[in-house]
Amino acid sequence: MFGNPLPGDRCVAVFISPPNASRVMLTAEPIERFYAALRWALYMADYMAHPIEIDTMPSRDDYFKRLATATGFEGFLGRTDFDERLAGLDLLTSIGVLQIKDGVLQ
């Protein structure tokens, strides 16, 4: 499954979609490699047991931002170790998923 790139897209990613699981990114390339990524995905489809998807996006960070938003923040903030939670919070803040203003989570 794939769609044509939109004017603002700068990245093309190839995913595999196992049943009952989140899709897994196999590769991410600059948008200029869209057709090469498409050819590779079509070639690999014969060897994969699950569907392959091609997705375009403004940036790789945009994908991770959408992923973090879609899955909630349990993976980052549900950790019992304080340093791991803080690292997750820093990551989500750095990619723009969360905002902190005057020490308060927005």
N, C-alpha and C. Protein backbone atom coordinates (compact mmCIF):
# COMPACT_ATOMS: atom_id res chain seq x y z
N MET A 1 0.84 -1.16 0.00
CA MET A 1 0.00 0.00 0.00
C MET A 1 0.89 1.23 0.00
N PHE A 2 0.58 2.21 -0.85
CA PHE A 2 1.36 3.44 -0.88
C PHE A 2 0.53 4.56 -1.47
N GLY A 3 0.96 5.77 -1.17
CA GLY A 3 0.34 6.96 -1.74
C GLY A 3 1.44 7.82 -2.34
N ASN A 4 1.07 8.68 -3.23
CA ASN A 4 2.05 9.57 -3.83
C ASN A 4 2.49 10.63 -2.83
N PRO A 5 3.73 11.09 -2.94
CA PRO A 5 4.22 12.12 -2.02
C PRO A 5 3.41 13.42 -2.16
N LEU A 6 3.23 14.09 -1.04
CA LEU A 6 2.59 15.40 -1.02
C LEU A 6 3.67 16.47 -1.16
N PRO A 7 3.30 17.69 -1.53
CA PRO A 7 4.31 18.74 -1.74
C PRO A 7 5.24 18.97 -0.55
N GLY A 8 4.76 18.84 0.68
CA GLY A 8 5.61 19.08 1.85
C GLY A 8 6.39 17.88 2.33
N ASP A 9 6.23 16.72 1.72
CA ASP A 9 6.91 15.51 2.17
C ASP A 9 8.39 15.56 1.82
N ARG A 10 9.21 15.16 2.79
CA ARG A 10 10.66 15.16 2.61
C ARG A 10 11.27 13.79 2.90
N CYS A 11 10.43 12.83 3.28
CA CYS A 11 10.93 11.53 3.70
C CYS A 11 9.97 10.44 3.22
N VAL A 12 10.50 9.30 2.82
CA VAL A 12 9.69 8.14 2.48
C VAL A 12 10.16 6.99 3.37
N ALA A 13 9.21 6.27 3.96
CA ALA A 13 9.54 5.16 4.85
C ALA A 13 8.82 3.90 4.39
N VAL A 14 9.48 2.77 4.59
CA VAL A 14 8.90 1.47 4.26
C VAL A 14 8.65 0.75 5.57
N PHE A 15 7.42 0.23 5.72
CA PHE A 15 7.00 -0.45 6.95
C PHE A 15 6.52 -1.85 6.63
N ILE A 16 6.62 -2.74 7.61
CA ILE A 16 5.97 -4.04 7.54
C ILE A 16 4.90 -4.03 8.63
N SER A 17 3.77 -4.66 8.34
CA SER A 17 2.64 -4.62 9.28
C SER A 17 2.29 -6.03 9.76
N PRO A 18 2.93 -6.50 10.82
CA PRO A 18 2.58 -7.82 11.36
C PRO A 18 1.18 -7.79 11.96
N PRO A 19 0.49 -8.92 11.94
CA PRO A 19 -0.85 -8.95 12.55
C PRO A 19 -0.77 -8.71 14.05
N ASN A 20 -1.77 -8.03 14.58
CA ASN A 20 -1.87 -7.77 16.02
C ASN A 20 -0.66 -7.06 16.61
N ALA A 21 0.00 -6.22 15.80
CA ALA A 21 1.16 -5.47 16.30
C ALA A 21 1.25 -4.15 15.54
N SER A 22 2.00 -3.23 16.10
CA SER A 22 2.24 -1.97 15.42
C SER A 22 3.14 -2.22 14.22
N ARG A 23 2.99 -1.37 13.23
CA ARG A 23 3.86 -1.54 12.07
C ARG A 23 5.29 -1.19 12.44
N VAL A 24 6.23 -1.80 11.74
CA VAL A 24 7.65 -1.66 12.04
C VAL A 24 8.33 -0.99 10.85
N MET A 25 9.09 0.08 11.12
CA MET A 25 9.80 0.78 10.05
C MET A 25 11.01 -0.05 9.63
N LEU A 26 11.07 -0.37 8.33
CA LEU A 26 12.21 -1.10 7.79
C LEU A 26 13.30 -0.15 7.32
N THR A 27 12.90 0.95 6.72
CA THR A 27 13.87 1.93 6.21
C THR A 27 13.21 3.29 6.06
N ALA A 28 13.99 4.33 6.13
CA ALA A 28 13.52 5.70 5.87
C ALA A 28 14.56 6.37 4.98
N GLU A 29 14.09 7.02 3.95
CA GLU A 29 14.97 7.62 2.94
C GLU A 29 14.51 9.04 2.63
N PRO A 30 15.38 9.86 2.06
CA PRO A 30 14.93 11.17 1.56
C PRO A 30 13.88 10.97 0.46
N ILE A 31 12.99 11.92 0.29
CA ILE A 31 11.88 11.80 -0.66
C ILE A 31 12.38 11.59 -2.09
N GLU A 32 13.57 12.05 -2.38
CA GLU A 32 14.13 11.85 -3.73
C GLU A 32 14.30 10.37 -4.06
N ARG A 33 14.32 9.53 -3.05
CA ARG A 33 14.46 8.08 -3.25
C ARG A 33 13.12 7.36 -3.19
N PHE A 34 12.02 8.09 -3.39
CA PHE A 34 10.69 7.51 -3.32
C PHE A 34 10.56 6.30 -4.24
N TYR A 35 10.90 6.46 -5.50
CA TYR A 35 10.72 5.36 -6.47
C TYR A 35 11.68 4.20 -6.20
N ALA A 36 12.86 4.49 -5.69
CA ALA A 36 13.78 3.40 -5.31
C ALA A 36 13.20 2.63 -4.12
N ALA A 37 12.63 3.35 -3.14
CA ALA A 37 12.01 2.69 -1.99
C ALA A 37 10.81 1.86 -2.44
N LEU A 38 10.04 2.40 -3.37
CA LEU A 38 8.88 1.67 -3.89
C LEU A 38 9.31 0.40 -4.62
N ARG A 39 10.34 0.50 -5.46
CA ARG A 39 10.85 -0.70 -6.16
C ARG A 39 11.35 -1.74 -5.16
N TRP A 40 12.08 -1.29 -4.13
CA TRP A 40 12.60 -2.21 -3.13
C TRP A 40 11.46 -2.90 -2.40
N ALA A 41 10.44 -2.14 -2.00
CA ALA A 41 9.29 -2.72 -1.28
C ALA A 41 8.56 -3.74 -2.15
N LEU A 42 8.39 -3.42 -3.43
CA LEU A 42 7.73 -4.36 -4.34
C LEU A 42 8.56 -5.64 -4.49
N TYR A 43 9.86 -5.50 -4.58
CA TYR A 43 10.74 -6.66 -4.68
C TYR A 43 10.66 -7.50 -3.40
N MET A 44 10.70 -6.85 -2.24
CA MET A 44 10.71 -7.56 -0.96
C MET A 44 9.36 -8.17 -0.62
N ALA A 45 8.28 -7.68 -1.22
CA ALA A 45 6.94 -8.18 -0.91
C ALA A 45 6.83 -9.69 -1.12
N ASP A 46 7.55 -10.21 -2.08
CA ASP A 46 7.52 -11.65 -2.34
C ASP A 46 8.16 -12.46 -1.21
N TYR A 47 9.01 -11.81 -0.42
CA TYR A 47 9.74 -12.51 0.63
C TYR A 47 9.17 -12.25 2.02
N MET A 48 8.23 -11.33 2.13
CA MET A 48 7.67 -10.96 3.42
C MET A 48 6.36 -11.71 3.67
N ALA A 49 6.17 -12.10 4.92
CA ALA A 49 4.95 -12.82 5.28
C ALA A 49 3.79 -11.87 5.60
N HIS A 50 4.10 -10.58 5.75
CA HIS A 50 3.08 -9.59 6.13
C HIS A 50 3.10 -8.42 5.15
N PRO A 51 2.03 -7.64 5.14
CA PRO A 51 1.95 -6.51 4.20
C PRO A 51 3.06 -5.48 4.41
N ILE A 52 3.49 -4.91 3.30
CA ILE A 52 4.48 -3.83 3.31
C ILE A 52 3.76 -2.55 2.93
N GLU A 53 4.08 -1.47 3.64
CA GLU A 53 3.48 -0.17 3.35
C GLU A 53 4.57 0.84 3.05
N ILE A 54 4.26 1.76 2.15
CA ILE A 54 5.12 2.91 1.86
C ILE A 54 4.38 4.13 2.37
N ASP A 55 5.04 4.96 3.16
CA ASP A 55 4.41 6.15 3.70
C ASP A 55 5.36 7.32 3.50
N THR A 56 4.82 8.45 3.09
CA THR A 56 5.61 9.66 2.96
C THR A 56 5.23 10.62 4.06
N MET A 57 6.17 11.47 4.45
CA MET A 57 5.93 12.39 5.56
C MET A 57 6.87 13.58 5.46
N PRO A 58 6.53 14.65 6.18
CA PRO A 58 7.40 15.84 6.13
C PRO A 58 8.81 15.57 6.65
N SER A 59 8.95 14.68 7.64
CA SER A 59 10.27 14.35 8.17
C SER A 59 10.16 13.05 8.96
N ARG A 60 11.31 12.46 9.23
CA ARG A 60 11.32 11.25 10.05
C ARG A 60 10.84 11.58 11.47
N ASP A 61 11.22 12.76 11.96
CA ASP A 61 10.76 13.18 13.28
C ASP A 61 9.24 13.28 13.33
N ASP A 62 8.62 13.69 12.21
CA ASP A 62 7.16 13.77 12.14
C ASP A 62 6.55 12.40 12.38
N TYR A 63 7.15 11.36 11.81
CA TYR A 63 6.65 10.00 12.03
C TYR A 63 6.73 9.63 13.51
N PHE A 64 7.88 9.90 14.14
CA PHE A 64 8.04 9.54 15.54
C PHE A 64 7.09 10.36 16.42
N LYS A 65 6.83 11.59 16.04
CA LYS A 65 5.87 12.42 16.78
C LYS A 65 4.47 11.81 16.68
N ARG A 66 4.07 11.40 15.45
CA ARG A 66 2.76 10.77 15.28
C ARG A 66 2.68 9.46 16.03
N LEU A 67 3.76 8.69 16.01
CA LEU A 67 3.79 7.40 16.71
C LEU A 67 3.64 7.59 18.22
N ALA A 68 4.38 8.53 18.77
CA ALA A 68 4.30 8.78 20.22
C ALA A 68 2.91 9.27 20.60
N THR A 69 2.32 10.10 19.78
CA THR A 69 0.98 10.61 20.05
C THR A 69 -0.05 9.49 19.95
N ALA A 70 0.08 8.64 18.93
CA ALA A 70 -0.90 7.56 18.70
C ALA A 70 -0.85 6.50 19.79
N THR A 71 0.32 6.21 20.30
CA THR A 71 0.45 5.14 21.29
C THR A 71 0.30 5.62 22.71
N GLY A 72 0.11 6.91 22.88
CA GLY A 72 0.11 7.46 24.23
C GLY A 72 1.54 7.57 24.69
N PHE A 73 1.74 7.87 25.92
CA PHE A 73 3.10 8.07 26.40
C PHE A 73 3.52 7.00 27.39
N GLU A 74 2.77 5.89 27.45
CA GLU A 74 3.07 4.83 28.40
C GLU A 74 4.48 4.29 28.22
N GLY A 75 4.89 4.14 26.98
CA GLY A 75 6.21 3.58 26.71
C GLY A 75 7.33 4.42 27.28
N PHE A 76 7.14 5.73 27.31
CA PHE A 76 8.18 6.61 27.84
C PHE A 76 7.96 6.92 29.32
N LEU A 77 6.75 7.31 29.64
CA LEU A 77 6.49 7.83 30.98
C LEU A 77 6.05 6.75 31.96
N GLY A 78 5.78 5.54 31.48
CA GLY A 78 5.36 4.46 32.37
C GLY A 78 6.52 3.73 33.02
N ARG A 79 7.73 4.19 32.79
CA ARG A 79 8.92 3.56 33.36
C ARG A 79 8.98 3.79 34.86
N THR A 80 9.54 2.83 35.58
CA THR A 80 9.67 3.00 37.03
C THR A 80 10.94 3.77 37.38
N ASP A 81 11.95 3.72 36.51
CA ASP A 81 13.20 4.43 36.77
C ASP A 81 13.04 5.91 36.43
N PHE A 82 13.35 6.79 37.37
CA PHE A 82 13.17 8.23 37.19
C PHE A 82 13.96 8.75 35.99
N ASP A 83 15.22 8.29 35.84
CA ASP A 83 16.05 8.77 34.74
C ASP A 83 15.46 8.38 33.38
N GLU A 84 14.88 7.19 33.28
CA GLU A 84 14.24 6.77 32.04
C GLU A 84 13.02 7.61 31.74
N ARG A 85 12.21 7.92 32.76
CA ARG A 85 11.04 8.78 32.56
C ARG A 85 11.47 10.17 32.11
N LEU A 86 12.51 10.70 32.74
CA LEU A 86 13.01 12.02 32.39
C LEU A 86 13.55 12.03 30.95
N ALA A 87 14.26 10.98 30.55
CA ALA A 87 14.76 10.88 29.18
C ALA A 87 13.60 10.82 28.19
N GLY A 88 12.55 10.09 28.52
CA GLY A 88 11.37 10.03 27.66
C GLY A 88 10.68 11.37 27.55
N LEU A 89 10.57 12.07 28.66
CA LEU A 89 9.97 13.40 28.67
C LEU A 89 10.80 14.36 27.81
N ASP A 90 12.12 14.29 27.95
CA ASP A 90 13.00 15.14 27.14
C ASP A 90 12.84 14.84 25.65
N LEU A 91 12.75 13.55 25.30
CA LEU A 91 12.57 13.18 23.90
C LEU A 91 11.25 13.71 23.35
N LEU A 92 10.16 13.50 24.07
CA LEU A 92 8.85 13.96 23.62
C LEU A 92 8.82 15.49 23.51
N THR A 93 9.51 16.17 24.38
CA THR A 93 9.58 17.64 24.33
C THR A 93 10.40 18.07 23.11
N SER A 94 11.52 17.40 22.87
CA SER A 94 12.41 17.80 21.78
C SER A 94 11.77 17.61 20.40
N ILE A 95 10.87 16.63 20.25
CA ILE A 95 10.22 16.44 18.94
C ILE A 95 8.88 17.15 18.86
N GLY A 96 8.53 17.90 19.91
CA GLY A 96 7.34 18.74 19.85
C GLY A 96 6.04 18.08 20.24
N VAL A 97 6.07 16.85 20.78
CA VAL A 97 4.84 16.19 21.20
C VAL A 97 4.31 16.84 22.47
N LEU A 98 5.22 17.16 23.37
CA LEU A 98 4.86 17.81 24.62
C LEU A 98 5.51 19.18 24.70
N GLN A 99 4.90 20.05 25.46
CA GLN A 99 5.48 21.37 25.68
C GLN A 99 5.52 21.63 27.17
N ILE A 100 6.61 22.22 27.62
CA ILE A 100 6.76 22.61 29.02
C ILE A 100 6.95 24.12 29.05
N LYS A 101 6.10 24.79 29.81
CA LYS A 101 6.19 26.24 29.94
C LYS A 101 6.21 26.58 31.42
N ASP A 102 7.22 27.31 31.82
CA ASP A 102 7.39 27.69 33.24
C ASP A 102 7.35 26.47 34.15
N GLY A 103 7.97 25.37 33.71
CA GLY A 103 8.05 24.16 34.51
C GLY A 103 6.77 23.35 34.58
N VAL A 104 5.76 23.72 33.77
CA VAL A 104 4.47 23.01 33.79
C VAL A 104 4.23 22.35 32.44
N LEU A 105 3.87 21.07 32.46
CA LEU A 105 3.57 20.33 31.25
C LEU A 105 2.29 20.88 30.63
N GLN A 106 2.36 21.27 29.38
CA GLN A 106 1.20 21.87 28.69
C GLN A 106 0.40 20.79 27.96
